[in-house]
Amino acid sequence: MTELLSKAFKEASKLPELEQNTFAKWVLEELKTAAKWEKLFAESENILDKLADEALTAEDKGTTKPLNIKSL
């Protein structure tokens, strides 16, 4: 465990029990969410590669249109 994480948990341990539990639930949920996003990004890598290849091919063929920023 890093010093910073140890310090954070040490400070959290000074909180009342209800706040400690709230903090613990938040940390666990954040870790679960981070793992979920990591998995989703890993799974989408092939899709993003395919879309990028399609965009580059369209650009090479001259079939793309310039973006009209004023309409945004």
PDB file of N, CA and C in Angstrom:
ATOM      1  N   MET A   1       0.852  -1.169   0.000  1.00  0.00           N
ATOM      2  CA  MET A   1       0.000   0.000   0.000  1.00  0.00           C
ATOM      3  C   MET A   1       0.898   1.233   0.000  1.00  0.00           C
ATOM      4  N   THR A   2       0.513   2.234  -0.801  1.00  0.00           N
ATOM      5  CA  THR A   2       1.314   3.448  -0.848  1.00  0.00           C
ATOM      6  C   THR A   2       1.123   4.267   0.419  1.00  0.00           C
ATOM      7  N   GLU A   3       2.054   5.180   0.641  1.00  0.00           N
ATOM      8  CA  GLU A   3       1.946   6.056   1.810  1.00  0.00           C
ATOM      9  C   GLU A   3       0.690   6.912   1.749  1.00  0.00           C
ATOM     10  N   LEU A   4       0.385   7.420   0.561  1.00  0.00           N
ATOM     11  CA  LEU A   4      -0.785   8.288   0.413  1.00  0.00           C
ATOM     12  C   LEU A   4      -2.074   7.531   0.704  1.00  0.00           C
ATOM     13  N   LEU A   5      -2.186   6.320   0.172  1.00  0.00           N
ATOM     14  CA  LEU A   5      -3.393   5.532   0.428  1.00  0.00           C
ATOM     15  C   LEU A   5      -3.490   5.186   1.906  1.00  0.00           C
ATOM     16  N   SER A   6      -2.369   4.840   2.512  1.00  0.00           N
ATOM     17  CA  SER A   6      -2.344   4.542   3.943  1.00  0.00           C
ATOM     18  C   SER A   6      -2.793   5.750   4.754  1.00  0.00           C
ATOM     19  N   LYS A   7      -2.319   6.932   4.361  1.00  0.00           N
ATOM     20  CA  LYS A   7      -2.704   8.168   5.055  1.00  0.00           C
ATOM     21  C   LYS A   7      -4.202   8.425   4.907  1.00  0.00           C
ATOM     22  N   ALA A   8      -4.723   8.192   3.693  1.00  0.00           N
ATOM     23  CA  ALA A   8      -6.155   8.412   3.454  1.00  0.00           C
ATOM     24  C   ALA A   8      -6.994   7.490   4.331  1.00  0.00           C
ATOM     25  N   PHE A   9      -6.611   6.208   4.403  1.00  0.00           N
ATOM     26  CA  PHE A   9      -7.364   5.271   5.230  1.00  0.00           C
ATOM     27  C   PHE A   9      -7.211   5.583   6.718  1.00  0.00           C
ATOM     28  N   LYS A  10      -6.049   6.056   7.101  1.00  0.00           N
ATOM     29  CA  LYS A  10      -5.841   6.427   8.502  1.00  0.00           C
ATOM     30  C   LYS A  10      -6.767   7.585   8.879  1.00  0.00           C
ATOM     31  N   GLU A  11      -6.852   8.576   7.994  1.00  0.00           N
ATOM     32  CA  GLU A  11      -7.752   9.713   8.244  1.00  0.00           C
ATOM     33  C   GLU A  11      -9.208   9.259   8.237  1.00  0.00           C
ATOM     34  N   ALA A  12      -9.556   8.386   7.306  1.00  0.00           N
ATOM     35  CA  ALA A  12     -10.931   7.891   7.235  1.00  0.00           C
ATOM     36  C   ALA A  12     -11.293   7.104   8.495  1.00  0.00           C
ATOM     37  N   SER A  13     -10.317   6.446   9.078  1.00  0.00           N
ATOM     38  CA  SER A  13     -10.596   5.661  10.287  1.00  0.00           C
ATOM     39  C   SER A  13     -10.970   6.540  11.487  1.00  0.00           C
ATOM     40  N   LYS A  14     -10.717   7.824  11.383  1.00  0.00           N
ATOM     41  CA  LYS A  14     -11.076   8.760  12.456  1.00  0.00           C
ATOM     42  C   LYS A  14     -12.531   9.221  12.356  1.00  0.00           C
ATOM     43  N   LEU A  15     -13.158   8.925  11.233  1.00  0.00           N
ATOM     44  CA  LEU A  15     -14.539   9.347  11.029  1.00  0.00           C
ATOM     45  C   LEU A  15     -15.487   8.486  11.862  1.00  0.00           C
ATOM     46  N   PRO A  16     -16.686   9.006  12.134  1.00  0.00           N
ATOM     47  CA  PRO A  16     -17.692   8.169  12.805  1.00  0.00           C
ATOM     48  C   PRO A  16     -18.001   6.936  11.949  1.00  0.00           C
ATOM     49  N   GLU A  17     -18.489   5.882  12.578  1.00  0.00           N
ATOM     50  CA  GLU A  17     -18.715   4.607  11.896  1.00  0.00           C
ATOM     51  C   GLU A  17     -19.596   4.753  10.653  1.00  0.00           C
ATOM     52  N   LEU A  18     -20.656   5.520  10.745  1.00  0.00           N
ATOM     53  CA  LEU A  18     -21.544   5.689   9.603  1.00  0.00           C
ATOM     54  C   LEU A  18     -20.807   6.320   8.422  1.00  0.00           C
ATOM     55  N   GLU A  19     -19.991   7.325   8.695  1.00  0.00           N
ATOM     56  CA  GLU A  19     -19.227   7.981   7.629  1.00  0.00           C
ATOM     57  C   GLU A  19     -18.136   7.058   7.078  1.00  0.00           C
ATOM     58  N   GLN A  20     -17.553   6.228   7.938  1.00  0.00           N
ATOM     59  CA  GLN A  20     -16.567   5.254   7.463  1.00  0.00           C
ATOM     60  C   GLN A  20     -17.219   4.276   6.489  1.00  0.00           C
ATOM     61  N   ASN A  21     -18.416   3.807   6.851  1.00  0.00           N
ATOM     62  CA  ASN A  21     -19.125   2.875   5.979  1.00  0.00           C
ATOM     63  C   ASN A  21     -19.518   3.536   4.653  1.00  0.00           C
ATOM     64  N   THR A  22     -19.931   4.778   4.721  1.00  0.00           N
ATOM     65  CA  THR A  22     -20.282   5.513   3.508  1.00  0.00           C
ATOM     66  C   THR A  22     -19.052   5.667   2.621  1.00  0.00           C
ATOM     67  N   PHE A  23     -17.933   6.022   3.226  1.00  0.00           N
ATOM     68  CA  PHE A  23     -16.678   6.162   2.494  1.00  0.00           C
ATOM     69  C   PHE A  23     -16.263   4.823   1.874  1.00  0.00           C
ATOM     70  N   ALA A  24     -16.347   3.764   2.646  1.00  0.00           N
ATOM     71  CA  ALA A  24     -15.961   2.434   2.164  1.00  0.00           C
ATOM     72  C   ALA A  24     -16.826   2.013   0.982  1.00  0.00           C
ATOM     73  N   LYS A  25     -18.128   2.238   1.075  1.00  0.00           N
ATOM     74  CA  LYS A  25     -19.030   1.898  -0.027  1.00  0.00           C
ATOM     75  C   LYS A  25     -18.676   2.708  -1.271  1.00  0.00           C
ATOM     76  N   TRP A  26     -18.352   3.985  -1.077  1.00  0.00           N
ATOM     77  CA  TRP A  26     -17.990   4.849  -2.204  1.00  0.00           C
ATOM     78  C   TRP A  26     -16.710   4.343  -2.883  1.00  0.00           C
ATOM     79  N   VAL A  27     -15.695   4.004  -2.071  1.00  0.00           N
ATOM     80  CA  VAL A  27     -14.433   3.511  -2.629  1.00  0.00           C
ATOM     81  C   VAL A  27     -14.667   2.217  -3.401  1.00  0.00           C
ATOM     82  N   LEU A  28     -15.416   1.292  -2.820  1.00  0.00           N
ATOM     83  CA  LEU A  28     -15.672   0.024  -3.488  1.00  0.00           C
ATOM     84  C   LEU A  28     -16.441   0.220  -4.790  1.00  0.00           C
ATOM     85  N   GLU A  29     -17.402   1.117  -4.779  1.00  0.00           N
ATOM     86  CA  GLU A  29     -18.180   1.392  -5.994  1.00  0.00           C
ATOM     87  C   GLU A  29     -17.302   2.034  -7.069  1.00  0.00           C
ATOM     88  N   GLU A  30     -16.414   2.931  -6.658  1.00  0.00           N
ATOM     89  CA  GLU A  30     -15.494   3.553  -7.613  1.00  0.00           C
ATOM     90  C   GLU A  30     -14.569   2.516  -8.248  1.00  0.00           C
ATOM     91  N   LEU A  31     -14.071   1.600  -7.451  1.00  0.00           N
ATOM     92  CA  LEU A  31     -13.198   0.550  -7.981  1.00  0.00           C
ATOM     93  C   LEU A  31     -13.958  -0.353  -8.955  1.00  0.00           C
ATOM     94  N   LYS A  32     -15.194  -0.671  -8.601  1.00  0.00           N
ATOM     95  CA  LYS A  32     -16.020  -1.505  -9.471  1.00  0.00           C
ATOM     96  C   LYS A  32     -16.308  -0.777 -10.786  1.00  0.00           C
ATOM     97  N   THR A  33     -16.620   0.504 -10.703  1.00  0.00           N
ATOM     98  CA  THR A  33     -16.897   1.299 -11.893  1.00  0.00           C
ATOM     99  C   THR A  33     -15.655   1.416 -12.770  1.00  0.00           C
ATOM    100  N   ALA A  34     -14.513   1.636 -12.163  1.00  0.00           N
ATOM    101  CA  ALA A  34     -13.264   1.736 -12.922  1.00  0.00           C
ATOM    102  C   ALA A  34     -12.986   0.435 -13.665  1.00  0.00           C
ATOM    103  N   ALA A  35     -13.211  -0.694 -13.007  1.00  0.00           N
ATOM    104  CA  ALA A  35     -12.996  -1.993 -13.653  1.00  0.00           C
ATOM    105  C   ALA A  35     -13.974  -2.184 -14.807  1.00  0.00           C
ATOM    106  N   LYS A  36     -15.201  -1.732 -14.609  1.00  0.00           N
ATOM    107  CA  LYS A  36     -16.212  -1.851 -15.673  1.00  0.00           C
ATOM    108  C   LYS A  36     -15.806  -1.038 -16.896  1.00  0.00           C
ATOM    109  N   TRP A  37     -15.358   0.209 -16.677  1.00  0.00           N
ATOM    110  CA  TRP A  37     -14.938   1.055 -17.800  1.00  0.00           C
ATOM    111  C   TRP A  37     -13.722   0.475 -18.501  1.00  0.00           C
ATOM    112  N   GLU A  38     -12.790  -0.046 -17.737  1.00  0.00           N
ATOM    113  CA  GLU A  38     -11.587  -0.649 -18.327  1.00  0.00           C
ATOM    114  C   GLU A  38     -11.969  -1.811 -19.246  1.00  0.00           C
ATOM    115  N   LYS A  39     -12.904  -2.632 -18.781  1.00  0.00           N
ATOM    116  CA  LYS A  39     -13.372  -3.763 -19.590  1.00  0.00           C
ATOM    117  C   LYS A  39     -14.080  -3.271 -20.850  1.00  0.00           C
ATOM    118  N   LEU A  40     -14.947  -2.270 -20.703  1.00  0.00           N
ATOM    119  CA  LEU A  40     -15.672  -1.745 -21.862  1.00  0.00           C
ATOM    120  C   LEU A  40     -14.724  -1.142 -22.893  1.00  0.00           C
ATOM    121  N   PHE A  41     -13.734  -0.393 -22.436  1.00  0.00           N
ATOM    122  CA  PHE A  41     -12.762   0.180 -23.372  1.00  0.00           C
ATOM    123  C   PHE A  41     -11.954  -0.901 -24.067  1.00  0.00           C
ATOM    124  N   ALA A  42     -11.572  -1.923 -23.340  1.00  0.00           N
ATOM    125  CA  ALA A  42     -10.819  -3.020 -23.942  1.00  0.00           C
ATOM    126  C   ALA A  42     -11.650  -3.726 -25.005  1.00  0.00           C
ATOM    127  N   GLU A  43     -12.937  -3.918 -24.718  1.00  0.00           N
ATOM    128  CA  GLU A  43     -13.822  -4.569 -25.674  1.00  0.00           C
ATOM    129  C   GLU A  43     -14.103  -3.693 -26.889  1.00  0.00           C
ATOM    130  N   SER A  44     -14.078  -2.381 -26.706  1.00  0.00           N
ATOM    131  CA  SER A  44     -14.421  -1.475 -27.802  1.00  0.00           C
ATOM    132  C   SER A  44     -13.217  -1.141 -28.683  1.00  0.00           C
ATOM    133  N   GLU A  45     -12.041  -1.584 -28.287  1.00  0.00           N
ATOM    134  CA  GLU A  45     -10.830  -1.241 -29.035  1.00  0.00           C
ATOM    135  C   GLU A  45     -10.935  -1.684 -30.489  1.00  0.00           C
ATOM    136  N   ASN A  46     -11.415  -2.889 -30.731  1.00  0.00           N
ATOM    137  CA  ASN A  46     -11.551  -3.382 -32.104  1.00  0.00           C
ATOM    138  C   ASN A  46     -12.563  -2.559 -32.886  1.00  0.00           C
ATOM    139  N   ILE A  47     -13.642  -2.196 -32.243  1.00  0.00           N
ATOM    140  CA  ILE A  47     -14.669  -1.385 -32.909  1.00  0.00           C
ATOM    141  C   ILE A  47     -14.100  -0.019 -33.268  1.00  0.00           C
ATOM    142  N   LEU A  48     -13.385   0.588 -32.334  1.00  0.00           N
ATOM    143  CA  LEU A  48     -12.798   1.904 -32.598  1.00  0.00           C
ATOM    144  C   LEU A  48     -11.761   1.833 -33.709  1.00  0.00           C
ATOM    145  N   ASP A  49     -10.963   0.765 -33.736  1.00  0.00           N
ATOM    146  CA  ASP A  49      -9.990   0.573 -34.814  1.00  0.00           C
ATOM    147  C   ASP A  49     -10.693   0.480 -36.160  1.00  0.00           C
ATOM    148  N   LYS A  50     -11.783  -0.278 -36.200  1.00  0.00           N
ATOM    149  CA  LYS A  50     -12.533  -0.446 -37.445  1.00  0.00           C
ATOM    150  C   LYS A  50     -13.106   0.895 -37.908  1.00  0.00           C
ATOM    151  N   LEU A  51     -13.693   1.654 -36.984  1.00  0.00           N
ATOM    152  CA  LEU A  51     -14.255   2.959 -37.338  1.00  0.00           C
ATOM    153  C   LEU A  51     -13.173   3.919 -37.826  1.00  0.00           C
ATOM    154  N   ALA A  52     -12.021   3.876 -37.189  1.00  0.00           N
ATOM    155  CA  ALA A  52     -10.915   4.738 -37.609  1.00  0.00           C
ATOM    156  C   ALA A  52     -10.453   4.356 -39.007  1.00  0.00           C
ATOM    157  N   ASP A  53     -10.343   3.055 -39.275  1.00  0.00           N
ATOM    158  CA  ASP A  53      -9.944   2.597 -40.608  1.00  0.00           C
ATOM    159  C   ASP A  53     -10.957   3.034 -41.668  1.00  0.00           C
ATOM    160  N   GLU A  54     -12.245   2.932 -41.332  1.00  0.00           N
ATOM    161  CA  GLU A  54     -13.286   3.359 -42.269  1.00  0.00           C
ATOM    162  C   GLU A  54     -13.190   4.857 -42.548  1.00  0.00           C
ATOM    163  N   ALA A  55     -12.940   5.636 -41.510  1.00  0.00           N
ATOM    164  CA  ALA A  55     -12.826   7.086 -41.680  1.00  0.00           C
ATOM    165  C   ALA A  55     -11.614   7.441 -42.541  1.00  0.00           C
ATOM    166  N   LEU A  56     -10.500   6.774 -42.304  1.00  0.00           N
ATOM    167  CA  LEU A  56      -9.294   7.037 -43.101  1.00  0.00           C
ATOM    168  C   LEU A  56      -9.497   6.630 -44.565  1.00  0.00           C
ATOM    169  N   THR A  57     -10.177   5.516 -44.780  1.00  0.00           N
ATOM    170  CA  THR A  57     -10.458   5.068 -46.148  1.00  0.00           C
ATOM    171  C   THR A  57     -11.360   6.072 -46.856  1.00  0.00           C
ATOM    172  N   ALA A  58     -12.392   6.548 -46.168  1.00  0.00           N
ATOM    173  CA  ALA A  58     -13.298   7.537 -46.754  1.00  0.00           C
ATOM    174  C   ALA A  58     -12.545   8.824 -47.078  1.00  0.00           C
ATOM    175  N   GLU A  59     -11.634   9.220 -46.196  1.00  0.00           N
ATOM    176  CA  GLU A  59     -10.831  10.425 -46.435  1.00  0.00           C
ATOM    177  C   GLU A  59      -9.925  10.218 -47.650  1.00  0.00           C
ATOM    178  N   ASP A  60      -9.309   9.062 -47.747  1.00  0.00           N
ATOM    179  CA  ASP A  60      -8.440   8.756 -48.893  1.00  0.00           C
ATOM    180  C   ASP A  60      -9.223   8.766 -50.207  1.00  0.00           C
ATOM    181  N   LYS A  61     -10.475   8.310 -50.164  1.00  0.00           N
ATOM    182  CA  LYS A  61     -11.310   8.270 -51.366  1.00  0.00           C
ATOM    183  C   LYS A  61     -11.918   9.635 -51.686  1.00  0.00           C
ATOM    184  N   GLY A  62     -11.797  10.565 -50.749  1.00  0.00           N
ATOM    185  CA  GLY A  62     -12.364  11.897 -50.950  1.00  0.00           C
ATOM    186  C   GLY A  62     -13.869  11.944 -50.760  1.00  0.00           C
ATOM    187  N   THR A  63     -14.408  11.003 -50.005  1.00  0.00           N
ATOM    188  CA  THR A  63     -15.855  10.962 -49.803  1.00  0.00           C
ATOM    189  C   THR A  63     -16.300  11.606 -48.485  1.00  0.00           C
ATOM    190  N   THR A  64     -15.380  12.230 -47.798  1.00  0.00           N
ATOM    191  CA  THR A  64     -15.753  12.916 -46.557  1.00  0.00           C
ATOM    192  C   THR A  64     -16.146  14.356 -46.862  1.00  0.00           C
ATOM    193  N   LYS A  65     -16.895  14.939 -45.947  1.00  0.00           N
ATOM    194  CA  LYS A  65     -17.316  16.330 -46.091  1.00  0.00           C
ATOM    195  C   LYS A  65     -16.716  17.138 -44.948  1.00  0.00           C
ATOM    196  N   PRO A  66     -16.318  18.382 -45.199  1.00  0.00           N
ATOM    197  CA  PRO A  66     -15.785  19.201 -44.108  1.00  0.00           C
ATOM    198  C   PRO A  66     -16.882  19.494 -43.084  1.00  0.00           C
ATOM    199  N   LEU A  67     -16.471  19.606 -41.859  1.00  0.00           N
ATOM    200  CA  LEU A  67     -17.388  19.918 -40.772  1.00  0.00           C
ATOM    201  C   LEU A  67     -17.695  21.405 -40.779  1.00  0.00           C
ATOM    202  N   ASN A  68     -18.976  21.748 -40.774  1.00  0.00           N
ATOM    203  CA  ASN A  68     -19.383  23.143 -40.712  1.00  0.00           C
ATOM    204  C   ASN A  68     -19.523  23.524 -39.241  1.00  0.00           C
ATOM    205  N   ILE A  69     -18.483  24.107 -38.688  1.00  0.00           N
ATOM    206  CA  ILE A  69     -18.449  24.445 -37.257  1.00  0.00           C
ATOM    207  C   ILE A  69     -19.513  25.468 -36.908  1.00  0.00           C
ATOM    208  N   LYS A  70     -19.857  26.338 -37.822  1.00  0.00           N
ATOM    209  CA  LYS A  70     -20.869  27.366 -37.541  1.00  0.00           C
ATOM    210  C   LYS A  70     -22.232  26.760 -37.257  1.00  0.00           C
ATOM    211  N   SER A  71     -22.514  25.587 -37.806  1.00  0.00           N
ATOM    212  CA  SER A  71     -23.812  24.956 -37.589  1.00  0.00           C
ATOM    213  C   SER A  71     -23.897  24.237 -36.252  1.00  0.00           C
ATOM    214  N   LEU A  72     -22.777  24.118 -35.575  1.00  0.00           N
ATOM    215  CA  LEU A  72     -22.780  23.452 -34.269  1.00  0.00           C
ATOM    216  C   LEU A  72     -23.258  24.430 -33.273  1.00  0.00           C
TER     217      LEU A  72
END
